[in-house]
Protein backbone atom coordinates (compact mmCIF):
# COMPACT_ATOMS: atom_id res chain seq x y z
CA MET A 1 -0.94 62.08 36.44
CA ASP A 2 -3.22 63.21 39.21
CA PRO A 3 -3.03 66.96 39.74
CA ASP A 4 -3.72 66.50 43.43
CA ALA A 5 -0.27 64.98 43.74
CA ALA A 6 1.24 68.43 43.41
CA CYS A 7 2.20 69.89 46.73
CA GLY A 8 4.49 72.88 46.42
CA PRO A 9 4.83 76.30 44.92
CA SER A 10 7.89 75.45 42.84
CA LEU A 11 9.59 72.48 41.25
CA LEU A 12 12.44 72.06 43.74
CA PRO A 13 10.32 71.73 46.91
CA VAL A 14 8.05 69.36 45.00
CA LEU A 15 11.03 67.17 44.05
CA LEU A 16 12.43 67.15 47.57
CA LEU A 17 9.10 66.29 49.18
CA LYS A 18 8.38 63.72 46.52
CA SER A 19 11.83 62.17 47.07
CA ARG A 20 11.22 61.81 50.79
CA ARG A 21 7.76 60.35 50.29
CA ARG A 22 8.90 57.94 47.63
CA TRP A 23 11.88 56.50 49.47
CA THR A 24 10.04 56.50 52.78
CA SER A 25 7.13 54.61 51.25
CA ARG A 26 9.49 52.00 49.85
CA GLY A 27 11.14 51.56 53.23
CA ALA A 28 14.12 49.20 53.43
CA GLU A 29 13.60 48.09 49.84
CA GLY A 30 14.06 51.66 48.64
CA HIS A 31 17.26 52.16 50.64
CA VAL A 32 18.70 48.86 49.35
CA SER A 33 17.80 49.82 45.80
CA MET A 34 19.49 53.20 46.14
CA ALA A 35 22.57 51.65 47.76
CA PHE A 36 22.81 49.08 44.96
CA TYR A 37 22.46 51.80 42.34
CA LEU A 38 25.18 53.96 43.91
CA ALA A 39 27.50 50.94 44.27
CA LYS A 40 26.92 50.05 40.61
CA ARG A 41 27.68 53.59 39.45
CA ALA A 42 30.78 53.75 41.69
CA CYS A 43 32.10 50.59 39.98
CA GLY A 44 31.27 52.14 36.61
CA LEU A 45 33.16 55.29 37.58
CA ALA A 46 36.25 53.28 38.54
CA ILE A 47 36.15 51.34 35.24
CA VAL A 48 35.72 54.50 33.15
CA LEU A 49 38.63 56.22 34.90
CA MET A 50 40.87 53.18 34.42
CA VAL A 51 40.03 52.93 30.71
CA MET A 52 40.50 56.67 30.25
CA SER A 53 43.86 56.69 32.01
CA PHE A 54 45.06 53.66 30.02
CA ILE A 55 44.15 55.34 26.72
CA VAL A 56 46.20 58.41 27.70
CA PHE A 57 49.09 56.12 28.58
CA LEU A 58 48.88 54.51 25.15
CA LEU A 59 49.00 57.98 23.58
CA GLN A 60 52.24 58.58 25.44
CA SER A 61 53.84 55.69 23.54
CA VAL A 62 52.71 56.81 20.07
CA ILE A 63 53.02 60.61 20.03
CA PRO A 64 56.44 62.07 19.10
CA SER A 65 57.30 63.64 22.46
CA ASP A 66 59.83 62.94 25.18
CA PRO A 67 58.80 64.06 28.69
CA ALA A 68 62.36 63.49 29.91
CA ARG A 69 63.76 65.99 27.39
CA ALA A 70 60.98 68.45 28.22
CA ILE A 71 61.84 68.26 31.92
CA ALA A 72 65.63 68.31 31.49
CA GLY A 73 65.53 71.15 28.98
CA PRO A 74 66.27 71.43 25.24
CA TYR A 75 70.04 71.80 25.76
CA ALA A 76 70.53 69.07 28.38
CA PRO A 77 73.16 66.41 27.57
CA SER A 78 72.06 62.89 26.68
CA SER A 79 73.28 61.51 30.01
CA THR A 80 71.03 63.88 31.94
CA ILE A 81 68.03 63.00 29.78
CA GLU A 82 68.70 59.31 30.29
CA THR A 83 68.89 59.83 34.06
CA VAL A 84 65.52 61.60 34.02
CA ARG A 85 64.05 58.78 31.95
CA GLU A 86 65.21 56.25 34.54
CA GLU A 87 63.82 58.36 37.39
CA LEU A 88 60.43 58.63 35.66
CA GLY A 89 60.41 54.95 34.74
CA LEU A 90 60.01 55.78 31.04
CA ASN A 91 62.29 52.91 29.99
CA ASP A 92 59.90 50.36 31.50
CA PRO A 93 57.23 48.61 29.38
CA ILE A 94 53.97 50.54 29.12
CA ALA A 95 52.11 47.98 31.27
CA VAL A 96 54.67 48.38 34.06
CA GLN A 97 54.44 52.16 33.82
CA TYR A 98 50.66 51.95 34.02
CA GLY A 99 50.85 49.71 37.06
CA HIS A 100 53.18 52.20 38.77
CA PHE A 101 50.77 54.98 37.87
CA LEU A 102 47.81 53.18 39.46
CA MET A 103 49.85 52.68 42.63
CA ARG A 104 50.75 56.39 42.72
CA VAL A 105 47.13 57.43 42.10
CA SER A 106 45.93 55.18 44.92
CA ALA A 107 48.34 57.14 47.15
CA GLY A 108 47.02 60.48 45.86
CA ASP A 109 49.98 61.22 43.58
CA LEU A 110 49.12 62.19 39.96
CA GLY A 111 52.73 62.90 39.03
CA LYS A 112 54.45 66.15 38.08
CA SER A 113 53.45 68.45 35.25
CA VAL A 114 56.07 68.70 32.49
CA ARG A 115 55.07 72.30 31.74
CA THR A 116 54.57 73.87 35.19
CA ARG A 117 57.07 71.58 36.99
CA GLN A 118 54.51 71.36 39.83
CA PRO A 119 52.63 68.32 41.14
CA VAL A 120 49.55 67.80 38.97
CA GLY A 121 47.37 67.49 42.06
CA ASP A 122 48.41 70.98 43.18
CA ASP A 123 47.73 72.39 39.71
CA LEU A 124 44.27 70.82 39.66
CA LEU A 125 43.39 72.30 43.05
CA ARG A 126 44.52 75.72 41.83
CA TYR A 127 42.56 75.69 38.55
CA LEU A 128 39.47 73.69 39.54
CA PRO A 129 37.58 76.45 41.46
CA ALA A 130 37.64 78.74 38.40
CA THR A 131 36.13 76.02 36.22
CA LEU A 132 33.50 75.04 38.78
CA GLU A 133 32.52 78.67 39.29
CA LEU A 134 32.15 79.13 35.53
CA ILE A 135 30.11 75.93 35.14
CA LEU A 136 27.83 76.87 38.04
CA VAL A 137 27.13 80.40 36.77
CA SER A 138 26.66 79.15 33.19
CA THR A 139 24.19 76.50 34.30
CA ILE A 140 22.17 78.94 36.43
CA LEU A 141 22.13 81.48 33.59
CA ALA A 142 21.14 78.83 31.03
CA MET A 143 18.31 77.47 33.17
CA GLY A 144 16.99 80.96 33.88
CA LEU A 145 17.05 81.81 30.17
CA ALA A 146 15.46 78.49 29.24
CA PHE A 147 12.61 78.87 31.72
CA SER A 148 11.90 82.50 30.77
CA LEU A 149 12.03 81.85 27.02
CA THR A 150 9.81 78.79 27.35
CA LEU A 151 7.13 80.87 29.05
CA LEU A 152 7.42 83.43 26.25
CA LEU A 153 7.02 80.71 23.64
CA LEU A 154 4.00 79.25 25.40
CA GLY A 155 2.49 82.71 25.59
CA GLY A 156 2.93 83.06 21.84
CA ALA A 157 4.96 86.26 22.17
CA ARG A 158 6.90 86.59 18.92
CA SER A 159 7.29 82.83 18.90
CA ARG A 160 8.23 82.71 15.21
CA VAL A 161 10.99 85.29 15.71
CA LEU A 162 12.28 83.47 18.78
CA ARG A 163 12.35 80.16 16.94
CA HIS A 164 14.51 81.69 14.19
CA VAL A 165 16.82 83.13 16.85
CA PHE A 166 17.06 79.70 18.49
CA ILE A 167 17.94 78.07 15.19
CA ALA A 168 20.65 80.65 14.56
CA LEU A 169 22.11 80.27 18.06
CA GLY A 170 21.92 76.49 17.94
CA SER A 171 23.76 76.44 14.62
CA THR A 172 26.55 78.82 15.66
CA PRO A 173 29.85 77.10 16.59
CA ILE A 174 30.84 77.82 20.16
CA ILE A 175 34.18 79.33 19.16
CA LEU A 176 32.47 81.79 16.79
CA LEU A 177 29.94 82.73 19.46
CA ALA A 178 32.69 83.32 22.03
CA VAL A 179 34.77 85.41 19.63
CA LEU A 180 31.76 87.53 18.63
CA LEU A 181 30.89 88.23 22.27
CA ALA A 182 34.48 89.16 23.05
CA TYR A 183 34.78 91.36 19.97
CA VAL A 184 31.51 93.27 20.50
CA PHE A 185 31.27 93.67 24.28
CA TRP A 186 34.96 93.77 25.19
CA PHE A 187 36.96 95.03 22.22
CA ARG A 188 34.49 97.37 20.49
CA LEU A 189 32.15 98.58 23.25
CA ALA A 190 34.44 98.01 26.27
CA TRP A 191 31.41 97.29 28.41
CA LEU A 192 32.77 94.14 30.02
CA PRO A 193 36.18 92.63 30.77
CA GLY A 194 37.10 89.90 28.32
CA SER A 195 40.10 88.23 29.89
CA GLY A 196 41.01 86.71 33.25
CA ARG A 197 38.96 86.38 36.44
CA LEU A 198 39.73 89.47 38.52
CA GLN A 199 41.43 92.85 38.24
CA PHE A 200 42.54 92.80 41.89
CA ARG A 201 45.88 91.05 41.63
CA ASP A 202 46.55 91.11 45.38
CA PHE A 203 43.25 89.49 46.39
CA ASP A 204 43.54 85.91 47.60
CA GLY A 205 40.30 84.23 48.65
CA THR A 206 39.88 81.20 50.85
CA THR A 207 37.64 79.07 48.61
CA GLY A 208 38.87 80.01 45.13
CA PHE A 209 35.33 81.10 44.17
CA HIS A 210 35.94 84.83 43.78
CA VAL A 211 32.31 85.93 43.95
CA LEU A 212 31.85 84.11 47.24
CA ASP A 213 35.30 85.06 48.54
CA GLY A 214 34.56 88.74 47.98
CA LEU A 215 31.41 88.47 50.12
CA LEU A 216 33.19 86.48 52.84
CA ALA A 217 36.01 89.03 52.97
CA GLY A 218 33.61 92.00 53.11
CA ARG A 219 34.79 93.14 49.66
CA PRO A 220 31.65 93.62 47.51
CA ASP A 221 33.84 95.36 44.91
CA VAL A 222 35.68 92.08 44.42
CA SER A 223 32.42 90.15 44.00
CA VAL A 224 31.10 92.69 41.48
CA ASP A 225 34.34 92.59 39.51
CA ALA A 226 34.34 88.77 39.55
CA MET A 227 30.77 88.73 38.25
CA ALA A 228 31.69 91.19 35.50
CA HIS A 229 34.51 88.88 34.38
CA LEU A 230 32.11 85.92 34.44
CA ILE A 231 29.43 87.45 32.19
CA LEU A 232 31.02 86.94 28.76
CA PRO A 233 32.42 83.39 29.18
CA ALA A 234 29.30 82.27 31.06
CA THR A 235 27.05 83.72 28.36
CA ALA A 236 29.03 81.95 25.62
CA LEU A 237 28.51 78.65 27.42
CA ALA A 238 24.92 79.33 28.46
CA LEU A 239 23.35 80.39 25.14
CA PRO A 240 23.61 77.06 23.25
CA PHE A 241 22.80 75.28 26.53
CA ALA A 242 19.62 77.34 26.99
CA VAL A 243 18.53 76.89 23.38
CA ALA A 244 18.75 73.10 23.64
CA VAL A 245 16.81 73.04 26.92
CA VAL A 246 14.17 75.45 25.60
CA ARG A 247 13.47 73.19 22.63
CA SER A 248 13.07 70.18 24.90
CA LEU A 249 11.15 71.96 27.67
CA ALA A 250 8.81 73.86 25.36
CA GLY A 251 7.85 70.69 23.49
CA ALA A 252 7.32 68.63 26.65
CA LEU A 253 5.43 71.42 28.40
CA HIS A 254 3.25 72.01 25.34
CA ASP A 255 2.23 68.33 25.34
CA ALA A 256 1.69 68.29 29.12
CA MET A 257 -0.57 71.35 29.03
CA ARG A 258 -2.95 69.52 26.67
CA GLN A 259 -3.50 66.58 29.04
CA PRO A 260 -6.82 65.98 30.90
CA TYR A 261 -5.31 66.61 34.35
CA ILE A 262 -4.51 70.18 33.26
CA ARG A 263 -8.19 70.76 32.44
CA THR A 264 -9.06 69.30 35.84
CA ALA A 265 -6.64 71.65 37.59
CA ARG A 266 -8.08 74.64 35.75
CA GLY A 267 -11.56 73.46 36.60
CA LYS A 268 -10.66 73.62 40.29
CA GLY A 269 -10.01 77.34 39.91
CA LEU A 270 -6.22 77.36 40.08
CA SER A 271 -4.43 80.28 38.50
CA GLU A 272 -2.66 79.67 35.19
CA ALA A 273 0.73 80.18 36.87
CA ALA A 274 -0.12 77.53 39.47
CA VAL A 275 -1.32 75.14 36.77
CA VAL A 276 1.94 75.55 34.82
CA LEU A 277 4.28 75.35 37.82
CA ARG A 278 2.53 72.65 39.86
CA HIS A 279 1.19 70.37 37.16
CA GLY A 280 2.54 71.18 33.70
CA LEU A 281 6.19 71.76 34.57
CA ARG A 282 6.43 68.88 37.01
CA ASN A 283 4.97 66.33 34.61
CA ALA A 284 7.06 67.62 31.70
CA ALA A 285 10.34 67.63 33.63
CA SER A 286 11.80 64.26 32.60
CA ALA A 287 12.91 65.07 29.03
CA PRO A 288 14.27 68.56 29.90
CA LEU A 289 16.20 67.04 32.82
CA ALA A 290 17.82 64.56 30.46
CA MET A 291 18.67 67.39 28.06
CA THR A 292 20.06 69.47 30.96
CA GLY A 293 22.33 66.62 31.97
CA LEU A 294 23.50 66.19 28.39
CA GLN A 295 24.24 69.91 28.04
CA ILE A 296 26.18 70.04 31.32
CA ARG A 297 28.30 67.16 30.07
CA LEU A 298 28.85 68.94 26.76
CA LEU A 299 30.07 71.97 28.72
CA PHE A 300 33.34 70.17 29.42
CA GLY A 301 34.22 70.12 25.72
CA ASN A 302 33.12 73.73 25.26
CA LEU A 303 35.18 74.78 28.27
CA LEU A 304 38.39 74.15 26.34
CA VAL A 305 37.30 76.67 23.71
CA VAL A 306 35.69 79.30 25.94
CA GLU A 307 38.45 79.37 28.57
CA SER A 308 41.04 79.72 25.82
CA VAL A 309 39.19 82.60 24.09
CA PHE A 310 38.63 84.55 27.34
CA GLY A 311 41.89 83.60 29.06
CA TRP A 312 39.89 82.07 31.87
CA PRO A 313 42.39 80.38 34.21
CA GLY A 314 40.52 77.10 34.67
CA LEU A 315 41.07 73.46 33.87
CA GLY A 316 40.03 73.96 30.23
CA LEU A 317 42.82 76.49 29.62
CA TYR A 318 45.23 74.34 31.66
CA MET A 319 44.43 71.31 29.50
CA THR A 320 44.70 73.27 26.23
CA GLN A 321 48.16 74.52 27.22
CA SER A 322 49.08 70.98 28.26
CA PHE A 323 48.11 69.68 24.82
CA ALA A 324 50.50 72.17 23.22
CA THR A 325 53.42 70.83 25.26
CA ALA A 326 52.34 67.14 25.25
CA ASP A 327 52.14 67.35 29.05
CA LEU A 328 50.57 63.92 29.51
CA PRO A 329 50.50 63.87 33.35
CA ALA A 330 48.50 67.11 33.29
CA ILE A 331 46.21 65.86 30.49
CA LEU A 332 45.62 62.67 32.40
CA GLY A 333 44.84 64.52 35.63
CA VAL A 334 42.32 66.86 33.98
CA SER A 335 40.73 63.94 32.11
CA MET A 336 40.18 62.11 35.37
CA VAL A 337 38.63 65.17 37.02
CA PHE A 338 36.33 65.78 34.05
CA GLY A 339 35.45 62.08 33.88
CA THR A 340 34.52 62.05 37.56
CA ILE A 341 32.35 65.19 37.28
CA TYR A 342 30.76 63.81 34.10
CA ILE A 343 29.62 60.63 35.84
CA LEU A 344 28.48 62.48 38.98
CA VAL A 345 26.29 64.71 36.79
CA SER A 346 24.87 61.60 35.11
CA ILE A 347 24.01 60.12 38.50
CA ALA A 348 22.32 63.33 39.65
CA VAL A 349 20.27 63.53 36.46
CA GLU A 350 19.16 59.90 36.66
CA ILE A 351 18.08 60.32 40.29
CA ALA A 352 16.18 63.52 39.44
CA GLN A 353 14.47 61.77 36.52
CA SER A 354 13.42 58.85 38.71
CA LEU A 355 11.89 61.31 41.18
CA THR A 356 9.90 63.18 38.56
CA ASP A 357 8.80 60.08 36.65
CA PRO A 358 7.93 56.96 38.73
CA ARG A 359 8.21 54.81 35.58
CA ILE A 360 12.00 55.31 35.60
CA GLU A 361 13.70 52.87 37.94
CA LEU A 362 17.29 53.31 39.09
């Protein structure tokens, strides 16, 4: 690619400016293409959610659990259990139940949790901010680590040692990594809290993001405490994430830095940092972006483990506890939230890839 195409001091401004130029240059055709792409992905999202919800419904008919007995209580008489079954529609064929479910979902009703006895929608709103805050901090931490370690590898600083460390981290199961972090930094050294989100029990923020809520409320002590609680679970999620991105980014950047346009950029007198940021990193971004998207999607599976180990009150812990009680309405609700976020991340990654690499069409 032509090095003169670069136009910003960092990757994000370059992407934004490039996005505007690209879609502006394509005019109405570009807007139609984007609208068609978004409509196609919206249809795909609806199909995925329907298939996912139907699979969970099928599980309800094969697993040995009775939601009516769970709601009525273990000592409830048979007549009471039968009444609950009629109220929930559990005596109807599975297709009829699924049809009723789709009608309720279209009205914003995800049913009632068997375990918490609360509407699933309310439970999701209560637990979702903790999970989003953890994902956001983990992603920022992973990307910062990946970028820093890639520069170290390119500089040749202890590259052999770092590669062995990467192999070890990439081969460590997430549950073992989380337990080791909790054991060393919480149980043995007592440097960091290893359970929950906040020590201030009486604090109630407006957004559910405790770091932000502490700043909005003028309580920096709350923000600091929230960050301290985030460090261990976020690190457990970020380390394997960063290792995967480093491997992809280092390889792509190494290849990009050997291209003729890099020699041209150096010949123009640009500093090495400018050459890497403006030309090498931008032209090597496609593969690492794809890997970043894949790792963010893998976070949802790792969340179940990490939130359980650290007692993090998010959707992962909520879903794990729901599995233990066969709480299918709750499992279904979390699955739909995760499925929606999963597809939205895929869309964001595909758009970012198309902006960094003109050969990729949406």
